[in-house]
């Protein structure tokens, strides 16, 4: 059974045959989904400083080049039997335009290349990919590279330590999204939880002996392990594909992905407010550190 009916690819404005384009084409081909490719572009400099006629020529020339490239790519995809449509958009607000397309099209999956931004720039300007992780209402597949057109190992990163994830069903949605992708691609499904016990040591060491803190941390680890195992068993994930690793998630998840030839890491995005939103989510910070692609699932 096909897991996807409609796919939306946010094309690389540099007109490259990118990892996202290859993944979108492969998914559309194997699932029979309709693929819509849209290129969103805007001025690289404040065009109001230029003469209006020059502004229009610049825009039209760029859009003509985008449309010609999209037409060529669509022709290649149609020769593979893929149902594909294309569109080139000029916009000063790419986030708003992307979200409008998502609302109108209601795709099962949005696919996009990761736009790598320097850390210093990220400190002052929130990257488009982070905005999409926070605001895109459908699963978002961000690719920083792809060793294979279709993934061979899909890893669902869950968090049984957060009660709200159980109540809101986020862990279930993460596993279901990962399982759907794995089934569609005939890939392995793995389950991963990275646990960090340092807060337990810090909170209890001041209240008693170090031995007491260690005992408390071990009890917490056992409780997390049991919750993780129940979650894995519920979805029939075999023991050799269950991974319970120690370490802060922002560090442990990229390390696991690198050491275990992960193709796609499936993570949840929790809606945040205030300071938590300013600091950013685990998924946002992991995005630039993992050597694989990310599939983000919203609450």
C-alpha atoms as a PDB file:
ATOM      1  CA  UNK A   1       0.000   0.000   0.000  1.00  0.00           C
ATOM      2  CA  UNK A   2       1.298   3.446  -0.928  1.00  0.00           C
ATOM      3  CA  UNK A   3       2.227   5.638   2.030  1.00  0.00           C
ATOM      4  CA  UNK A   4       2.156   8.886   0.033  1.00  0.00           C
ATOM      5  CA  UNK A   5      -0.243  10.442  -2.469  1.00  0.00           C
ATOM      6  CA  UNK A   6       1.101  13.996  -2.757  1.00  0.00           C
ATOM      7  CA  UNK A   7       4.683  15.195  -2.361  1.00  0.00           C
ATOM      8  CA  UNK A   8       5.887  18.808  -2.360  1.00  0.00           C
ATOM      9  CA  UNK A   9       9.526  19.463  -3.213  1.00  0.00           C
ATOM     10  CA  UNK A  10      11.028  22.852  -2.402  1.00  0.00           C
ATOM     11  CA  UNK A  11      13.592  22.974  -5.191  1.00  0.00           C
ATOM     12  CA  UNK A  12      17.139  24.194  -4.778  1.00  0.00           C
ATOM     13  CA  UNK A  13      17.179  27.751  -6.210  1.00  0.00           C
ATOM     14  CA  UNK A  14      20.715  27.054  -7.420  1.00  0.00           C
ATOM     15  CA  UNK A  15      19.161  24.665  -9.966  1.00  0.00           C
ATOM     16  CA  UNK A  16      21.201  21.676  -8.809  1.00  0.00           C
ATOM     17  CA  UNK A  17      20.260  18.022  -9.137  1.00  0.00           C
ATOM     18  CA  UNK A  18      20.301  17.953  -5.344  1.00  0.00           C
ATOM     19  CA  UNK A  19      19.781  15.261  -2.718  1.00  0.00           C
ATOM     20  CA  UNK A  20      16.225  16.478  -2.088  1.00  0.00           C
ATOM     21  CA  UNK A  21      15.362  16.258  -5.786  1.00  0.00           C
ATOM     22  CA  UNK A  22      16.739  12.721  -5.980  1.00  0.00           C
ATOM     23  CA  UNK A  23      14.867  11.646  -2.829  1.00  0.00           C
ATOM     24  CA  UNK A  24      11.588  13.240  -3.992  1.00  0.00           C
ATOM     25  CA  UNK A  25      11.852  11.559  -7.394  1.00  0.00           C
ATOM     26  CA  UNK A  26      12.632   8.167  -5.865  1.00  0.00           C
ATOM     27  CA  UNK A  27       9.751   8.412  -3.380  1.00  0.00           C
ATOM     28  CA  UNK A  28       7.316   9.509  -6.090  1.00  0.00           C
ATOM     29  CA  UNK A  29       8.452   6.674  -8.336  1.00  0.00           C
ATOM     30  CA  UNK A  30       8.141   3.946  -5.703  1.00  0.00           C
ATOM     31  CA  UNK A  31       4.872   5.221  -4.184  1.00  0.00           C
ATOM     32  CA  UNK A  32       3.099   6.482  -7.298  1.00  0.00           C
ATOM     33  CA  UNK A  33       2.580   9.832  -5.570  1.00  0.00           C
ATOM     34  CA  UNK A  34       2.048  13.044  -7.511  1.00  0.00           C
ATOM     35  CA  UNK A  35       5.087  15.301  -7.186  1.00  0.00           C
ATOM     36  CA  UNK A  36       4.860  19.091  -7.293  1.00  0.00           C
ATOM     37  CA  UNK A  37       8.189  20.916  -7.560  1.00  0.00           C
ATOM     38  CA  UNK A  38       8.258  24.575  -6.606  1.00  0.00           C
ATOM     39  CA  UNK A  39      11.187  26.961  -6.727  1.00  0.00           C
ATOM     40  CA  UNK A  40      10.945  29.942  -4.388  1.00  0.00           C
ATOM     41  CA  UNK A  41      13.294  32.806  -5.113  1.00  0.00           C
ATOM     42  CA  UNK A  42      13.599  36.464  -4.252  1.00  0.00           C
ATOM     43  CA  UNK A  43      15.991  39.387  -4.558  1.00  0.00           C
ATOM     44  CA  UNK A  44      19.506  38.847  -3.234  1.00  0.00           C
ATOM     45  CA  UNK A  45      19.797  42.608  -2.635  1.00  0.00           C
ATOM     46  CA  UNK A  46      17.282  45.410  -1.930  1.00  0.00           C
ATOM     47  CA  UNK A  47      15.792  45.840  -5.399  1.00  0.00           C
ATOM     48  CA  UNK A  48      14.086  49.160  -4.503  1.00  0.00           C
ATOM     49  CA  UNK A  49      17.572  50.666  -4.859  1.00  0.00           C
ATOM     50  CA  UNK A  50      17.467  49.730  -8.549  1.00  0.00           C
ATOM     51  CA  UNK A  51      15.491  51.252 -11.378  1.00  0.00           C
ATOM     52  CA  UNK A  52      12.047  49.628 -11.694  1.00  0.00           C
ATOM     53  CA  UNK A  53      12.749  48.427 -15.236  1.00  0.00           C
ATOM     54  CA  UNK A  54      15.974  46.767 -14.055  1.00  0.00           C
ATOM     55  CA  UNK A  55      14.069  45.150 -11.179  1.00  0.00           C
ATOM     56  CA  UNK A  56      11.564  43.637 -13.586  1.00  0.00           C
ATOM     57  CA  UNK A  57      14.239  42.407 -16.004  1.00  0.00           C
ATOM     58  CA  UNK A  58      16.198  40.843 -13.145  1.00  0.00           C
ATOM     59  CA  UNK A  59      13.126  39.058 -11.835  1.00  0.00           C
ATOM     60  CA  UNK A  60      11.925  37.910 -15.274  1.00  0.00           C
ATOM     61  CA  UNK A  61      15.364  36.664 -16.293  1.00  0.00           C
ATOM     62  CA  UNK A  62      15.717  34.650 -13.103  1.00  0.00           C
ATOM     63  CA  UNK A  63      12.234  33.158 -13.368  1.00  0.00           C
ATOM     64  CA  UNK A  64      12.795  32.253 -17.025  1.00  0.00           C
ATOM     65  CA  UNK A  65      15.954  30.366 -16.069  1.00  0.00           C
ATOM     66  CA  UNK A  66      14.143  28.592 -13.226  1.00  0.00           C
ATOM     67  CA  UNK A  67      11.223  27.582 -15.453  1.00  0.00           C
ATOM     68  CA  UNK A  68      13.542  26.268 -18.167  1.00  0.00           C
ATOM     69  CA  UNK A  69      15.454  24.180 -15.631  1.00  0.00           C
ATOM     70  CA  UNK A  70      12.245  22.884 -14.036  1.00  0.00           C
ATOM     71  CA  UNK A  71      10.864  21.969 -17.469  1.00  0.00           C
ATOM     72  CA  UNK A  72      13.972  19.923 -18.261  1.00  0.00           C
ATOM     73  CA  UNK A  73      13.877  18.158 -14.884  1.00  0.00           C
ATOM     74  CA  UNK A  74      10.154  17.442 -15.221  1.00  0.00           C
ATOM     75  CA  UNK A  75      10.745  15.896 -18.633  1.00  0.00           C
ATOM     76  CA  UNK A  76      13.320  13.518 -17.192  1.00  0.00           C
ATOM     77  CA  UNK A  77      10.986  12.570 -14.345  1.00  0.00           C
ATOM     78  CA  UNK A  78       8.015  11.976 -16.649  1.00  0.00           C
ATOM     79  CA  UNK A  79      10.156   9.616 -18.699  1.00  0.00           C
ATOM     80  CA  UNK A  80      10.342   7.502 -15.520  1.00  0.00           C
ATOM     81  CA  UNK A  81       6.559   7.470 -15.234  1.00  0.00           C
ATOM     82  CA  UNK A  82       6.359  10.087 -12.471  1.00  0.00           C
ATOM     83  CA  UNK A  83       3.350  12.417 -12.316  1.00  0.00           C
ATOM     84  CA  UNK A  84       5.062  15.792 -11.885  1.00  0.00           C
ATOM     85  CA  UNK A  85       4.107  19.468 -12.046  1.00  0.00           C
ATOM     86  CA  UNK A  86       6.384  22.479 -11.603  1.00  0.00           C
ATOM     87  CA  UNK A  87       6.188  26.116 -10.590  1.00  0.00           C
ATOM     88  CA  UNK A  88       8.622  29.001 -10.134  1.00  0.00           C
ATOM     89  CA  UNK A  89       7.692  31.717  -7.625  1.00  0.00           C
ATOM     90  CA  UNK A  90       9.241  35.115  -6.949  1.00  0.00           C
ATOM     91  CA  UNK A  91       8.656  36.201  -3.386  1.00  0.00           C
ATOM     92  CA  UNK A  92      10.058  38.482  -0.705  1.00  0.00           C
ATOM     93  CA  UNK A  93       8.628  36.157   1.980  1.00  0.00           C
ATOM     94  CA  UNK A  94       9.620  32.552   1.193  1.00  0.00           C
ATOM     95  CA  UNK A  95       8.361  31.152   4.513  1.00  0.00           C
ATOM     96  CA  UNK A  96       4.915  32.650   4.072  1.00  0.00           C
ATOM     97  CA  UNK A  97       4.744  31.467   0.450  1.00  0.00           C
ATOM     98  CA  UNK A  98       5.851  27.933   1.307  1.00  0.00           C
ATOM     99  CA  UNK A  99       3.278  27.667   4.097  1.00  0.00           C
ATOM    100  CA  UNK A 100       0.585  28.955   1.732  1.00  0.00           C
ATOM    101  CA  UNK A 101       1.467  26.242  -0.784  1.00  0.00           C
ATOM    102  CA  UNK A 102       1.388  23.610   1.958  1.00  0.00           C
ATOM    103  CA  UNK A 103      -2.045  24.796   3.123  1.00  0.00           C
ATOM    104  CA  UNK A 104      -3.444  24.731  -0.415  1.00  0.00           C
ATOM    105  CA  UNK A 105      -1.864  21.478  -1.573  1.00  0.00           C
ATOM    106  CA  UNK A 106      -2.038  19.493   1.697  1.00  0.00           C
ATOM    107  CA  UNK A 107       0.928  17.253   0.792  1.00  0.00           C
ATOM    108  CA  UNK A 108       1.739  14.126   2.758  1.00  0.00           C
ATOM    109  CA  UNK A 109       5.371  15.195   2.863  1.00  0.00           C
ATOM    110  CA  UNK A 110       7.396  18.357   2.211  1.00  0.00           C
ATOM    111  CA  UNK A 111      10.930  17.691   0.961  1.00  0.00           C
ATOM    112  CA  UNK A 112      13.748  20.230   0.977  1.00  0.00           C
ATOM    113  CA  UNK A 113      17.542  20.453   1.001  1.00  0.00           C
ATOM    114  CA  UNK A 114      19.076  21.723   4.235  1.00  0.00           C
ATOM    115  CA  UNK A 115      20.253  25.291   3.820  1.00  0.00           C
ATOM    116  CA  UNK A 116      23.473  25.404   5.826  1.00  0.00           C
ATOM    117  CA  UNK A 117      23.947  28.687   7.670  1.00  0.00           C
ATOM    118  CA  UNK A 118      27.017  29.834   9.667  1.00  0.00           C
ATOM    119  CA  UNK A 119      26.556  29.622  13.436  1.00  0.00           C
ATOM    120  CA  UNK A 120      27.162  33.358  13.812  1.00  0.00           C
ATOM    121  CA  UNK A 121      24.406  34.155  11.337  1.00  0.00           C
ATOM    122  CA  UNK A 122      22.028  31.737  13.098  1.00  0.00           C
ATOM    123  CA  UNK A 123      22.614  33.673  16.334  1.00  0.00           C
ATOM    124  CA  UNK A 124      21.016  36.762  14.798  1.00  0.00           C
ATOM    125  CA  UNK A 125      18.737  35.492  12.029  1.00  0.00           C
ATOM    126  CA  UNK A 126      16.547  32.404  12.392  1.00  0.00           C
ATOM    127  CA  UNK A 127      17.203  30.140   9.374  1.00  0.00           C
ATOM    128  CA  UNK A 128      14.334  29.302   7.025  1.00  0.00           C
ATOM    129  CA  UNK A 129      14.719  25.608   7.857  1.00  0.00           C
ATOM    130  CA  UNK A 130      14.208  26.338  11.569  1.00  0.00           C
ATOM    131  CA  UNK A 131      11.099  28.356  10.770  1.00  0.00           C
ATOM    132  CA  UNK A 132       9.777  25.427   8.746  1.00  0.00           C
ATOM    133  CA  UNK A 133      10.531  22.976  11.555  1.00  0.00           C
ATOM    134  CA  UNK A 134       8.456  25.171  13.863  1.00  0.00           C
ATOM    135  CA  UNK A 135       5.608  26.060  11.520  1.00  0.00           C
ATOM    136  CA  UNK A 136       5.210  23.468   8.754  1.00  0.00           C
ATOM    137  CA  UNK A 137       2.010  21.561   9.664  1.00  0.00           C
ATOM    138  CA  UNK A 138       2.917  18.373   7.753  1.00  0.00           C
ATOM    139  CA  UNK A 139       5.949  16.063   8.013  1.00  0.00           C
ATOM    140  CA  UNK A 140       9.091  17.823   6.780  1.00  0.00           C
ATOM    141  CA  UNK A 141      11.963  15.876   5.203  1.00  0.00           C
ATOM    142  CA  UNK A 142      15.215  17.877   5.239  1.00  0.00           C
ATOM    143  CA  UNK A 143      18.206  16.473   3.385  1.00  0.00           C
ATOM    144  CA  UNK A 144      21.837  17.454   3.856  1.00  0.00           C
ATOM    145  CA  UNK A 145      22.935  14.645   1.565  1.00  0.00           C
ATOM    146  CA  UNK A 146      21.737  11.228   0.497  1.00  0.00           C
ATOM    147  CA  UNK A 147      23.911   8.185   0.014  1.00  0.00           C
ATOM    148  CA  UNK A 148      20.988   6.392  -1.625  1.00  0.00           C
ATOM    149  CA  UNK A 149      17.954   7.723  -3.524  1.00  0.00           C
ATOM    150  CA  UNK A 150      15.775   5.695  -1.136  1.00  0.00           C
ATOM    151  CA  UNK A 151      16.819   5.246   2.511  1.00  0.00           C
ATOM    152  CA  UNK A 152      17.962   1.842   3.706  1.00  0.00           C
ATOM    153  CA  UNK A 153      17.971   2.515   7.458  1.00  0.00           C
ATOM    154  CA  UNK A 154      15.306   4.678   9.110  1.00  0.00           C
ATOM    155  CA  UNK A 155      15.759   5.500  12.808  1.00  0.00           C
ATOM    156  CA  UNK A 156      12.896   6.816  14.946  1.00  0.00           C
ATOM    157  CA  UNK A 157      14.233   8.940  17.825  1.00  0.00           C
ATOM    158  CA  UNK A 158      11.692   8.801  20.656  1.00  0.00           C
ATOM    159  CA  UNK A 159      11.612  10.256  24.155  1.00  0.00           C
ATOM    160  CA  UNK A 160       9.734   8.178  26.773  1.00  0.00           C
ATOM    161  CA  UNK A 161      11.054  10.484  29.521  1.00  0.00           C
ATOM    162  CA  UNK A 162       8.632  13.309  28.668  1.00  0.00           C
ATOM    163  CA  UNK A 163       5.042  12.585  29.801  1.00  0.00           C
ATOM    164  CA  UNK A 164       3.636  15.139  27.357  1.00  0.00           C
ATOM    165  CA  UNK A 165       5.002  13.074  24.471  1.00  0.00           C
ATOM    166  CA  UNK A 166       2.931  10.123  25.675  1.00  0.00           C
ATOM    167  CA  UNK A 167      -0.203  12.176  26.288  1.00  0.00           C
ATOM    168  CA  UNK A 168      -0.050  14.004  22.967  1.00  0.00           C
ATOM    169  CA  UNK A 169       0.976  10.850  21.096  1.00  0.00           C
ATOM    170  CA  UNK A 170       4.148  12.369  19.649  1.00  0.00           C
ATOM    171  CA  UNK A 171       6.202   9.200  20.120  1.00  0.00           C
ATOM    172  CA  UNK A 172       3.524   7.220  18.297  1.00  0.00           C
ATOM    173  CA  UNK A 173       3.464   9.711  15.433  1.00  0.00           C
ATOM    174  CA  UNK A 174       7.252   9.576  15.165  1.00  0.00           C
ATOM    175  CA  UNK A 175       7.250   5.780  14.960  1.00  0.00           C
ATOM    176  CA  UNK A 176       4.317   5.696  12.540  1.00  0.00           C
ATOM    177  CA  UNK A 177       6.013   8.212  10.226  1.00  0.00           C
ATOM    178  CA  UNK A 178       9.285   6.270  10.397  1.00  0.00           C
ATOM    179  CA  UNK A 179       7.525   2.962   9.819  1.00  0.00           C
ATOM    180  CA  UNK A 180       5.589   4.369   6.856  1.00  0.00           C
ATOM    181  CA  UNK A 181       8.796   5.594   5.226  1.00  0.00           C
ATOM    182  CA  UNK A 182      10.584   2.305   5.949  1.00  0.00           C
ATOM    183  CA  UNK A 183       7.725   0.249   4.493  1.00  0.00           C
ATOM    184  CA  UNK A 184       7.569   2.413   1.368  1.00  0.00           C
ATOM    185  CA  UNK A 185      11.322   2.117   0.807  1.00  0.00           C
ATOM    186  CA  UNK A 186      11.807  -1.469   2.025  1.00  0.00           C
ATOM    187  CA  UNK A 187      14.199  -0.088   4.639  1.00  0.00           C
ATOM    188  CA  UNK A 188      15.089  -1.202   8.159  1.00  0.00           C
ATOM    189  CA  UNK A 189      13.181   0.472  11.000  1.00  0.00           C
ATOM    190  CA  UNK A 190      15.163   1.155  14.173  1.00  0.00           C
ATOM    191  CA  UNK A 191      14.113   2.757  17.470  1.00  0.00           C
ATOM    192  CA  UNK A 192      16.465   5.062  19.399  1.00  0.00           C
ATOM    193  CA  UNK A 193      16.391   6.892  22.716  1.00  0.00           C
ATOM    194  CA  UNK A 194      19.260   8.996  24.040  1.00  0.00           C
ATOM    195  CA  UNK A 195      18.980   9.493  27.795  1.00  0.00           C
ATOM    196  CA  UNK A 196      20.874  12.041  29.862  1.00  0.00           C
ATOM    197  CA  UNK A 197      21.111  11.301  33.589  1.00  0.00           C
ATOM    198  CA  UNK A 198      23.314  14.249  34.540  1.00  0.00           C
ATOM    199  CA  UNK A 199      20.318  16.331  35.781  1.00  0.00           C
ATOM    200  CA  UNK A 200      19.461  13.487  38.185  1.00  0.00           C
ATOM    201  CA  UNK A 201      22.968  13.538  39.655  1.00  0.00           C
ATOM    202  CA  UNK A 202      22.968  17.310  39.934  1.00  0.00           C
ATOM    203  CA  UNK A 203      19.556  17.501  41.588  1.00  0.00           C
ATOM    204  CA  UNK A 204      20.127  14.731  44.133  1.00  0.00           C
ATOM    205  CA  UNK A 205      23.824  14.992  44.940  1.00  0.00           C
ATOM    206  CA  UNK A 206      23.211  18.119  46.993  1.00  0.00           C
ATOM    207  CA  UNK A 207      20.437  16.406  48.942  1.00  0.00           C
ATOM    208  CA  UNK A 208      22.436  13.356  49.991  1.00  0.00           C
ATOM    209  CA  UNK A 209      25.476  11.257  49.290  1.00  0.00           C
ATOM    210  CA  UNK A 210      26.931  10.563  45.894  1.00  0.00           C
ATOM    211  CA  UNK A 211      25.868   6.928  46.347  1.00  0.00           C
ATOM    212  CA  UNK A 212      22.248   8.042  46.798  1.00  0.00           C
ATOM    213  CA  UNK A 213      22.452  10.116  43.647  1.00  0.00           C
ATOM    214  CA  UNK A 214      23.896   7.139  41.766  1.00  0.00           C
ATOM    215  CA  UNK A 215      21.103   4.868  43.045  1.00  0.00           C
ATOM    216  CA  UNK A 216      18.475   7.380  41.991  1.00  0.00           C
ATOM    217  CA  UNK A 217      20.042   7.733  38.545  1.00  0.00           C
ATOM    218  CA  UNK A 218      20.083   3.946  38.088  1.00  0.00           C
ATOM    219  CA  UNK A 219      16.405   3.716  39.061  1.00  0.00           C
ATOM    220  CA  UNK A 220      15.626   6.439  36.555  1.00  0.00           C
ATOM    221  CA  UNK A 221      17.610   4.637  33.855  1.00  0.00           C
ATOM    222  CA  UNK A 222      15.747   1.392  34.515  1.00  0.00           C
ATOM    223  CA  UNK A 223      12.393   3.180  34.379  1.00  0.00           C
ATOM    224  CA  UNK A 224      13.286   4.823  31.062  1.00  0.00           C
ATOM    225  CA  UNK A 225      14.512   1.509  29.682  1.00  0.00           C
ATOM    226  CA  UNK A 226      11.243  -0.209  30.582  1.00  0.00           C
ATOM    227  CA  UNK A 227       9.173   2.559  28.978  1.00  0.00           C
ATOM    228  CA  UNK A 228      11.347   2.428  25.863  1.00  0.00           C
ATOM    229  CA  UNK A 229      11.057  -1.373  25.624  1.00  0.00           C
ATOM    230  CA  UNK A 230       7.264  -1.241  25.948  1.00  0.00           C
ATOM    231  CA  UNK A 231       7.129   1.317  23.146  1.00  0.00           C
ATOM    232  CA  UNK A 232       9.366  -0.822  20.922  1.00  0.00           C
ATOM    233  CA  UNK A 233       7.408  -3.991  21.663  1.00  0.00           C
ATOM    234  CA  UNK A 234       4.127  -2.287  20.830  1.00  0.00           C
ATOM    235  CA  UNK A 235       5.382  -1.686  17.302  1.00  0.00           C
ATOM    236  CA  UNK A 236       7.167  -5.009  16.927  1.00  0.00           C
ATOM    237  CA  UNK A 237      10.670  -3.541  16.701  1.00  0.00           C
ATOM    238  CA  UNK A 238      13.122  -6.432  17.228  1.00  0.00           C
ATOM    239  CA  UNK A 239      15.652  -6.243  20.039  1.00  0.00           C
ATOM    240  CA  UNK A 240      18.646  -5.835  17.725  1.00  0.00           C
ATOM    241  CA  UNK A 241      17.032  -2.685  16.305  1.00  0.00           C
ATOM    242  CA  UNK A 242      16.330  -1.110  19.697  1.00  0.00           C
ATOM    243  CA  UNK A 243      19.023   1.365  20.726  1.00  0.00           C
ATOM    244  CA  UNK A 244      19.080   2.812  24.251  1.00  0.00           C
ATOM    245  CA  UNK A 245      22.121   5.082  24.443  1.00  0.00           C
ATOM    246  CA  UNK A 246      23.471   7.417  27.114  1.00  0.00           C
ATOM    247  CA  UNK A 247      24.283  11.060  26.501  1.00  0.00           C
ATOM    248  CA  UNK A 248      22.728  14.464  25.825  1.00  0.00           C
ATOM    249  CA  UNK A 249      20.520  14.059  22.715  1.00  0.00           C
ATOM    250  CA  UNK A 250      22.162  16.942  20.835  1.00  0.00           C
ATOM    251  CA  UNK A 251      25.456  15.042  21.056  1.00  0.00           C
ATOM    252  CA  UNK A 252      24.312  11.408  21.203  1.00  0.00           C
ATOM    253  CA  UNK A 253      21.947  11.442  18.207  1.00  0.00           C
ATOM    254  CA  UNK A 254      24.534  12.688  15.667  1.00  0.00           C
ATOM    255  CA  UNK A 255      27.107  10.239  17.062  1.00  0.00           C
ATOM    256  CA  UNK A 256      24.701   7.327  16.710  1.00  0.00           C
ATOM    257  CA  UNK A 257      23.701   8.363  13.187  1.00  0.00           C
ATOM    258  CA  UNK A 258      27.347   8.579  12.155  1.00  0.00           C
ATOM    259  CA  UNK A 259      28.403   5.275  13.718  1.00  0.00           C
ATOM    260  CA  UNK A 260      25.390   3.291  12.460  1.00  0.00           C
ATOM    261  CA  UNK A 261      25.069   4.383   8.812  1.00  0.00           C
ATOM    262  CA  UNK A 262      21.693   6.013   9.394  1.00  0.00           C
ATOM    263  CA  UNK A 263      19.943   7.334   6.288  1.00  0.00           C
ATOM    264  CA  UNK A 264      17.001   9.124   7.915  1.00  0.00           C
ATOM    265  CA  UNK A 265      16.573  10.210  11.534  1.00  0.00           C
ATOM    266  CA  UNK A 266      12.902  10.746  12.388  1.00  0.00           C
ATOM    267  CA  UNK A 267      12.343  13.260  15.187  1.00  0.00           C
ATOM    268  CA  UNK A 268       9.499  15.168  16.790  1.00  0.00           C
ATOM    269  CA  UNK A 269       9.017  18.920  16.858  1.00  0.00           C
ATOM    270  CA  UNK A 270       7.199  20.249  19.909  1.00  0.00           C
ATOM    271  CA  UNK A 271       5.508  23.655  19.698  1.00  0.00           C
ATOM    272  CA  UNK A 272       7.412  25.964  22.042  1.00  0.00           C
ATOM    273  CA  UNK A 273       6.854  29.412  23.452  1.00  0.00           C
ATOM    274  CA  UNK A 274       8.920  32.096  25.128  1.00  0.00           C
ATOM    275  CA  UNK A 275      12.501  31.288  26.107  1.00  0.00           C
ATOM    276  CA  UNK A 276      12.289  27.657  24.912  1.00  0.00           C
ATOM    277  CA  UNK A 277      11.383  28.894  21.429  1.00  0.00           C
ATOM    278  CA  UNK A 278      14.271  31.349  21.512  1.00  0.00           C
ATOM    279  CA  UNK A 279      16.764  28.670  22.545  1.00  0.00           C
ATOM    280  CA  UNK A 280      15.445  26.242  19.938  1.00  0.00           C
ATOM    281  CA  UNK A 281      14.503  22.568  19.940  1.00  0.00           C
ATOM    282  CA  UNK A 282      16.688  19.482  19.875  1.00  0.00           C
ATOM    283  CA  UNK A 283      15.648  18.868  16.261  1.00  0.00           C
ATOM    284  CA  UNK A 284      16.758  22.351  15.225  1.00  0.00           C
ATOM    285  CA  UNK A 285      20.201  21.956  16.779  1.00  0.00           C
ATOM    286  CA  UNK A 286      20.693  18.395  15.553  1.00  0.00           C
ATOM    287  CA  UNK A 287      19.839  19.477  11.988  1.00  0.00           C
ATOM    288  CA  UNK A 288      23.314  20.891  11.331  1.00  0.00           C
ATOM    289  CA  UNK A 289      25.189  18.123  13.159  1.00  0.00           C
ATOM    290  CA  UNK A 290      23.815  14.857  11.796  1.00  0.00           C
ATOM    291  CA  UNK A 291      25.455  13.246   8.752  1.00  0.00           C
ATOM    292  CA  UNK A 292      22.064  12.056   7.518  1.00  0.00           C
ATOM    293  CA  UNK A 293      18.647  13.400   6.584  1.00  0.00           C
ATOM    294  CA  UNK A 294      15.922  14.346   9.052  1.00  0.00           C
ATOM    295  CA  UNK A 295      12.200  13.697   8.933  1.00  0.00           C
ATOM    296  CA  UNK A 296      10.455  16.028  11.380  1.00  0.00           C
ATOM    297  CA  UNK A 297       7.005  15.240  12.762  1.00  0.00           C
ATOM    298  CA  UNK A 298       4.906  17.885  14.521  1.00  0.00           C
ATOM    299  CA  UNK A 299       2.791  17.597  17.662  1.00  0.00           C
END
